[in-house]
């Protein structure tokens, strides 16, 4: 089963739209172009198989407890300082995954680093 990828509102939807628009217009910065390509690759892998080994998907219990639904983290990159991670949930329907956050990996998980992460809301089911 291939999942439909949705963006959380308003933050993830706005960020993805901006990156996509700038990339298509050729006005994207070099750093944003790198992020856009890595994120696009990760989204493709996620839509095909959320458990793809390259994503290293795992639940973030601290966020699950705070938000009241299972929050998953998948890698955009690894073995680099402040490697980017995307946070996601299943839903709003059985065929969808919603990206609710995109953040650098918290440096120190022991000191409540996940407490600093704020996630987007689920988009309405259309």
N, C-alpha and C. Protein backbone atom coordinates (compact mmCIF):
# COMPACT_ATOMS: atom_id res chain seq x y z
N UNK A 1 0.84 -1.18 0.00
CA UNK A 1 0.00 0.00 0.00
C UNK A 1 0.88 1.24 0.00
N UNK A 2 0.61 2.13 -0.88
CA UNK A 2 1.32 3.41 -0.95
C UNK A 2 0.51 4.46 -0.20
N UNK A 3 1.16 5.18 0.70
CA UNK A 3 0.49 6.20 1.51
C UNK A 3 0.48 7.54 0.79
N UNK A 4 -0.58 8.29 1.02
CA UNK A 4 -0.66 9.68 0.57
C UNK A 4 0.03 10.52 1.65
N UNK A 5 0.96 11.36 1.23
CA UNK A 5 1.66 12.22 2.18
C UNK A 5 0.95 13.56 2.24
N UNK A 6 0.60 13.97 3.44
CA UNK A 6 -0.04 15.27 3.68
C UNK A 6 0.90 16.09 4.56
N UNK A 7 0.74 17.39 4.49
CA UNK A 7 1.54 18.28 5.32
C UNK A 7 0.67 18.85 6.43
N UNK A 8 1.23 18.88 7.63
CA UNK A 8 0.54 19.48 8.77
C UNK A 8 0.33 20.97 8.54
N UNK A 9 -0.71 21.48 9.18
CA UNK A 9 -1.07 22.89 8.99
C UNK A 9 -0.80 23.68 10.27
N UNK A 10 -0.40 24.91 10.17
CA UNK A 10 -0.04 25.59 8.93
C UNK A 10 1.44 25.48 8.58
N UNK A 11 2.29 25.14 9.54
CA UNK A 11 3.75 25.25 9.36
C UNK A 11 4.32 24.37 8.26
N UNK A 12 4.02 23.09 8.29
CA UNK A 12 4.62 22.17 7.32
C UNK A 12 4.11 22.46 5.91
N UNK A 13 2.83 22.74 5.81
CA UNK A 13 2.24 23.06 4.50
C UNK A 13 2.91 24.31 3.91
N UNK A 14 3.11 25.33 4.75
CA UNK A 14 3.73 26.57 4.28
C UNK A 14 5.19 26.35 3.89
N UNK A 15 5.93 25.60 4.69
CA UNK A 15 7.34 25.35 4.39
C UNK A 15 7.48 24.56 3.09
N UNK A 16 6.72 23.48 2.95
CA UNK A 16 6.82 22.66 1.74
C UNK A 16 6.44 23.47 0.51
N UNK A 17 5.37 24.26 0.60
CA UNK A 17 4.94 25.08 -0.53
C UNK A 17 6.00 26.09 -0.92
N UNK A 18 6.62 26.72 0.07
CA UNK A 18 7.68 27.70 -0.21
C UNK A 18 8.87 27.04 -0.89
N UNK A 19 9.34 25.93 -0.34
CA UNK A 19 10.49 25.24 -0.94
C UNK A 19 10.17 24.77 -2.36
N UNK A 20 9.02 24.21 -2.55
CA UNK A 20 8.62 23.71 -3.86
C UNK A 20 8.52 24.85 -4.87
N UNK A 21 7.91 25.95 -4.48
CA UNK A 21 7.77 27.10 -5.36
C UNK A 21 9.11 27.71 -5.73
N UNK A 22 9.99 27.89 -4.75
CA UNK A 22 11.30 28.46 -5.02
C UNK A 22 12.15 27.52 -5.88
N UNK A 23 12.03 26.22 -5.64
CA UNK A 23 12.78 25.26 -6.45
C UNK A 23 12.33 25.31 -7.91
N UNK A 24 11.03 25.31 -8.11
CA UNK A 24 10.49 25.36 -9.48
C UNK A 24 10.82 26.67 -10.19
N UNK A 25 10.87 27.77 -9.43
CA UNK A 25 11.16 29.09 -10.00
C UNK A 25 12.67 29.32 -10.18
N UNK A 26 13.48 28.44 -9.61
CA UNK A 26 14.93 28.60 -9.69
C UNK A 26 15.47 29.67 -8.77
N UNK A 27 14.71 30.02 -7.74
CA UNK A 27 15.14 31.07 -6.82
C UNK A 27 15.51 30.53 -5.45
N UNK A 28 15.61 29.23 -5.32
CA UNK A 28 15.88 28.60 -4.03
C UNK A 28 17.36 28.75 -3.66
N UNK A 29 17.62 28.95 -2.39
CA UNK A 29 19.01 29.03 -1.92
C UNK A 29 19.65 27.65 -1.98
N UNK A 30 20.95 27.62 -1.94
CA UNK A 30 21.66 26.35 -2.01
C UNK A 30 21.30 25.45 -0.83
N UNK A 31 21.27 26.03 0.38
CA UNK A 31 20.94 25.25 1.57
C UNK A 31 19.50 24.72 1.50
N UNK A 32 18.57 25.56 1.06
CA UNK A 32 17.19 25.11 0.94
C UNK A 32 17.02 24.07 -0.16
N UNK A 33 17.81 24.17 -1.23
CA UNK A 33 17.74 23.17 -2.30
C UNK A 33 18.18 21.80 -1.78
N UNK A 34 19.23 21.79 -0.96
CA UNK A 34 19.70 20.53 -0.37
C UNK A 34 18.61 19.95 0.53
N UNK A 35 18.01 20.79 1.37
CA UNK A 35 16.93 20.34 2.25
C UNK A 35 15.76 19.81 1.43
N UNK A 36 15.35 20.54 0.40
CA UNK A 36 14.21 20.15 -0.43
C UNK A 36 14.45 18.78 -1.07
N UNK A 37 15.64 18.56 -1.58
CA UNK A 37 15.94 17.27 -2.23
C UNK A 37 15.97 16.13 -1.23
N UNK A 38 16.60 16.34 -0.07
CA UNK A 38 16.65 15.29 0.95
C UNK A 38 15.25 14.98 1.50
N UNK A 39 14.49 16.05 1.73
CA UNK A 39 13.13 15.87 2.25
C UNK A 39 12.27 15.16 1.21
N UNK A 40 12.37 15.54 -0.04
CA UNK A 40 11.61 14.89 -1.10
C UNK A 40 11.92 13.41 -1.21
N UNK A 41 13.20 13.07 -1.11
CA UNK A 41 13.60 11.66 -1.16
C UNK A 41 13.02 10.89 0.03
N UNK A 42 13.10 11.49 1.22
CA UNK A 42 12.57 10.84 2.42
C UNK A 42 11.05 10.68 2.33
N UNK A 43 10.36 11.68 1.79
CA UNK A 43 8.90 11.59 1.63
C UNK A 43 8.53 10.46 0.68
N UNK A 44 9.29 10.31 -0.38
CA UNK A 44 9.03 9.23 -1.33
C UNK A 44 9.21 7.87 -0.65
N UNK A 45 10.30 7.70 0.09
CA UNK A 45 10.52 6.45 0.81
C UNK A 45 9.41 6.20 1.83
N UNK A 46 9.01 7.24 2.54
CA UNK A 46 7.97 7.13 3.55
C UNK A 46 6.65 6.70 2.93
N UNK A 47 6.31 7.27 1.77
CA UNK A 47 5.04 6.92 1.13
C UNK A 47 5.02 5.46 0.68
N UNK A 48 6.17 4.94 0.30
CA UNK A 48 6.26 3.55 -0.15
C UNK A 48 6.33 2.56 1.00
N UNK A 49 7.10 2.94 2.06
CA UNK A 49 7.31 2.02 3.18
C UNK A 49 7.79 2.81 4.39
N UNK A 50 6.91 3.13 5.34
CA UNK A 50 7.32 3.89 6.51
C UNK A 50 8.44 3.22 7.32
N UNK A 51 8.62 1.94 7.13
CA UNK A 51 9.67 1.19 7.85
C UNK A 51 10.93 0.97 6.99
N UNK A 52 11.06 1.73 5.92
CA UNK A 52 12.25 1.60 5.08
C UNK A 52 13.49 1.76 5.94
N UNK A 53 14.48 0.87 5.80
CA UNK A 53 15.67 0.94 6.65
C UNK A 53 16.42 2.28 6.60
N UNK A 54 16.41 2.94 5.45
CA UNK A 54 17.12 4.21 5.33
C UNK A 54 16.50 5.33 6.14
N UNK A 55 15.22 5.19 6.48
CA UNK A 55 14.53 6.22 7.26
C UNK A 55 14.79 6.07 8.76
N UNK A 56 15.13 4.87 9.18
CA UNK A 56 15.35 4.57 10.59
C UNK A 56 14.19 5.07 11.46
N UNK A 57 13.00 4.79 11.03
CA UNK A 57 11.78 5.25 11.70
C UNK A 57 11.64 4.64 13.08
N UNK A 58 11.26 5.48 14.03
CA UNK A 58 10.98 5.02 15.39
C UNK A 58 10.05 6.00 16.08
N UNK A 59 9.30 5.48 17.03
CA UNK A 59 8.38 6.33 17.79
C UNK A 59 9.16 7.18 18.79
N UNK A 60 8.69 8.42 18.97
CA UNK A 60 9.27 9.31 19.98
C UNK A 60 8.26 9.36 21.12
N UNK A 61 8.51 8.57 22.12
CA UNK A 61 7.58 8.39 23.23
C UNK A 61 7.22 9.71 23.93
N UNK A 62 8.20 10.57 24.12
CA UNK A 62 7.94 11.84 24.79
C UNK A 62 6.91 12.68 24.02
N UNK A 63 7.01 12.69 22.68
CA UNK A 63 6.04 13.43 21.87
C UNK A 63 4.70 12.72 21.83
N UNK A 64 4.71 11.39 21.78
CA UNK A 64 3.48 10.61 21.82
C UNK A 64 2.71 10.92 23.09
N UNK A 65 3.40 10.93 24.22
CA UNK A 65 2.74 11.21 25.49
C UNK A 65 2.18 12.63 25.52
N UNK A 66 2.93 13.58 24.99
CA UNK A 66 2.49 14.98 25.03
C UNK A 66 1.30 15.24 24.12
N UNK A 67 1.32 14.66 22.90
CA UNK A 67 0.27 14.95 21.92
C UNK A 67 -0.90 13.95 21.93
N UNK A 68 -0.75 12.84 22.63
CA UNK A 68 -1.85 11.90 22.75
C UNK A 68 -2.07 11.01 21.54
N UNK A 69 -1.14 11.00 20.62
CA UNK A 69 -1.18 10.05 19.50
C UNK A 69 0.25 9.71 19.13
N UNK A 70 0.42 8.57 18.48
CA UNK A 70 1.77 8.09 18.20
C UNK A 70 2.48 9.02 17.22
N UNK A 71 3.61 9.54 17.66
CA UNK A 71 4.44 10.42 16.84
C UNK A 71 5.69 9.64 16.45
N UNK A 72 5.95 9.61 15.16
CA UNK A 72 7.09 8.88 14.62
C UNK A 72 8.14 9.86 14.12
N UNK A 73 9.39 9.43 14.18
CA UNK A 73 10.50 10.23 13.67
C UNK A 73 11.21 9.41 12.60
N UNK A 74 11.52 10.07 11.48
CA UNK A 74 12.30 9.43 10.41
C UNK A 74 13.43 10.36 10.02
N UNK A 75 14.52 9.77 9.57
CA UNK A 75 15.72 10.52 9.24
C UNK A 75 15.67 11.07 7.82
N UNK A 76 16.12 12.32 7.66
CA UNK A 76 16.41 12.88 6.35
C UNK A 76 17.88 12.70 6.05
N UNK A 77 18.66 12.73 7.11
CA UNK A 77 20.11 12.56 6.99
C UNK A 77 20.62 12.01 8.31
N UNK A 78 21.85 11.56 8.29
CA UNK A 78 22.44 10.95 9.47
C UNK A 78 23.93 11.25 9.48
N UNK A 79 24.52 11.08 10.64
CA UNK A 79 25.97 11.24 10.80
C UNK A 79 26.47 12.61 10.36
N UNK A 80 25.68 13.62 10.67
CA UNK A 80 26.08 14.99 10.41
C UNK A 80 25.56 15.83 11.57
N UNK A 81 26.24 16.89 11.87
CA UNK A 81 25.83 17.75 12.97
C UNK A 81 24.43 18.29 12.71
N UNK A 82 23.58 18.17 13.72
CA UNK A 82 22.20 18.69 13.64
C UNK A 82 21.43 18.08 12.46
N UNK A 83 21.59 16.78 12.26
CA UNK A 83 20.92 16.07 11.17
C UNK A 83 19.41 16.27 11.25
N UNK A 84 18.79 16.53 10.10
CA UNK A 84 17.35 16.81 10.05
C UNK A 84 16.52 15.54 10.25
N UNK A 85 15.42 15.73 10.97
CA UNK A 85 14.45 14.67 11.24
C UNK A 85 13.06 15.19 10.89
N UNK A 86 12.22 14.30 10.38
CA UNK A 86 10.83 14.67 10.18
C UNK A 86 9.99 13.86 11.16
N UNK A 87 8.97 14.50 11.66
CA UNK A 87 8.05 13.90 12.61
C UNK A 87 6.71 13.74 11.90
N UNK A 88 6.06 12.60 12.12
CA UNK A 88 4.84 12.33 11.39
C UNK A 88 3.89 11.44 12.18
N UNK A 89 2.65 11.42 11.70
CA UNK A 89 1.61 10.58 12.28
C UNK A 89 0.87 9.88 11.15
N UNK A 90 0.23 8.77 11.48
CA UNK A 90 -0.68 8.15 10.53
C UNK A 90 -1.99 8.92 10.57
N UNK A 91 -2.56 9.21 9.41
CA UNK A 91 -3.85 9.89 9.36
C UNK A 91 -3.79 11.14 8.53
N UNK A 92 -4.89 11.78 8.31
CA UNK A 92 -6.16 11.67 9.02
C UNK A 92 -7.03 10.48 8.60
N UNK A 93 -6.65 9.76 7.55
CA UNK A 93 -7.38 8.55 7.17
C UNK A 93 -6.38 7.40 7.05
N UNK A 94 -6.87 6.22 6.74
CA UNK A 94 -6.01 5.02 6.71
C UNK A 94 -4.98 5.03 5.59
N UNK A 95 -5.19 5.83 4.57
CA UNK A 95 -4.27 5.86 3.44
C UNK A 95 -3.24 7.00 3.55
N UNK A 96 -3.28 7.75 4.64
CA UNK A 96 -2.46 8.96 4.74
C UNK A 96 -1.45 8.94 5.87
N UNK A 97 -0.37 9.65 5.62
CA UNK A 97 0.63 9.99 6.63
C UNK A 97 0.75 11.51 6.58
N UNK A 98 0.76 12.14 7.75
CA UNK A 98 0.86 13.58 7.83
C UNK A 98 2.18 13.98 8.48
N UNK A 99 2.93 14.82 7.79
CA UNK A 99 4.19 15.35 8.32
C UNK A 99 3.82 16.50 9.26
N UNK A 100 4.20 16.37 10.53
CA UNK A 100 3.82 17.37 11.52
C UNK A 100 5.01 18.17 12.06
N UNK A 101 6.22 17.80 11.64
CA UNK A 101 7.39 18.54 12.09
C UNK A 101 8.62 18.22 11.28
N UNK A 102 9.52 19.19 11.23
CA UNK A 102 10.81 19.03 10.57
C UNK A 102 11.81 19.83 11.39
N UNK A 103 12.70 19.13 12.04
CA UNK A 103 13.62 19.77 12.99
C UNK A 103 14.98 19.09 12.93
N UNK A 104 16.03 19.83 13.30
CA UNK A 104 17.32 19.16 13.51
C UNK A 104 17.19 18.21 14.70
N UNK A 105 17.97 17.17 14.69
CA UNK A 105 17.94 16.20 15.78
C UNK A 105 18.28 16.90 17.10
N UNK A 106 17.47 16.68 18.14
CA UNK A 106 17.80 17.29 19.43
C UNK A 106 19.16 16.81 19.92
N UNK A 107 19.97 17.73 20.36
CA UNK A 107 21.34 17.40 20.76
C UNK A 107 21.40 16.52 22.00
N UNK A 108 20.57 16.80 22.98
CA UNK A 108 20.66 16.09 24.24
C UNK A 108 19.29 15.59 24.67
N UNK A 109 19.00 14.33 24.35
CA UNK A 109 17.69 13.76 24.66
C UNK A 109 17.44 13.68 26.17
N UNK A 110 18.49 13.64 26.97
CA UNK A 110 18.34 13.47 28.41
C UNK A 110 17.81 14.73 29.09
N UNK A 111 18.01 15.89 28.51
CA UNK A 111 17.60 17.14 29.14
C UNK A 111 16.32 17.71 28.54
N UNK A 112 15.41 16.85 28.14
CA UNK A 112 14.12 17.30 27.65
C UNK A 112 14.17 18.00 26.30
N UNK A 113 15.08 17.59 25.43
CA UNK A 113 15.22 18.25 24.13
C UNK A 113 13.94 18.16 23.30
N UNK A 114 13.20 17.07 23.43
CA UNK A 114 11.96 16.94 22.66
C UNK A 114 10.88 17.89 23.16
N UNK A 115 11.02 18.42 24.36
CA UNK A 115 10.06 19.39 24.89
C UNK A 115 10.06 20.67 24.07
N UNK A 116 11.15 20.95 23.36
CA UNK A 116 11.27 22.16 22.56
C UNK A 116 10.59 22.03 21.19
N UNK A 117 10.24 20.82 20.81
CA UNK A 117 9.67 20.58 19.49
C UNK A 117 8.17 20.84 19.51
N UNK A 118 7.72 21.70 18.60
CA UNK A 118 6.30 22.01 18.45
C UNK A 118 5.85 21.46 17.11
N UNK A 119 4.77 20.73 17.11
CA UNK A 119 4.29 20.07 15.91
C UNK A 119 3.08 20.77 15.31
N UNK A 120 2.94 20.65 13.99
CA UNK A 120 1.79 21.19 13.26
C UNK A 120 0.54 20.38 13.57
N UNK A 121 -0.60 20.94 13.20
CA UNK A 121 -1.87 20.24 13.34
C UNK A 121 -2.13 19.35 12.13
N UNK A 122 -3.01 18.40 12.31
CA UNK A 122 -3.45 17.53 11.24
C UNK A 122 -4.32 18.34 10.26
N UNK A 123 -4.14 18.14 8.96
CA UNK A 123 -5.00 18.85 7.99
C UNK A 123 -6.40 18.27 8.02
N UNK A 124 -7.38 19.06 7.61
CA UNK A 124 -8.75 18.52 7.56
C UNK A 124 -8.85 17.45 6.47
N UNK A 125 -9.67 16.47 6.71
CA UNK A 125 -9.89 15.42 5.71
C UNK A 125 -10.85 15.94 4.66
N UNK A 126 -10.38 15.95 3.42
CA UNK A 126 -11.18 16.50 2.33
C UNK A 126 -11.84 15.38 1.55
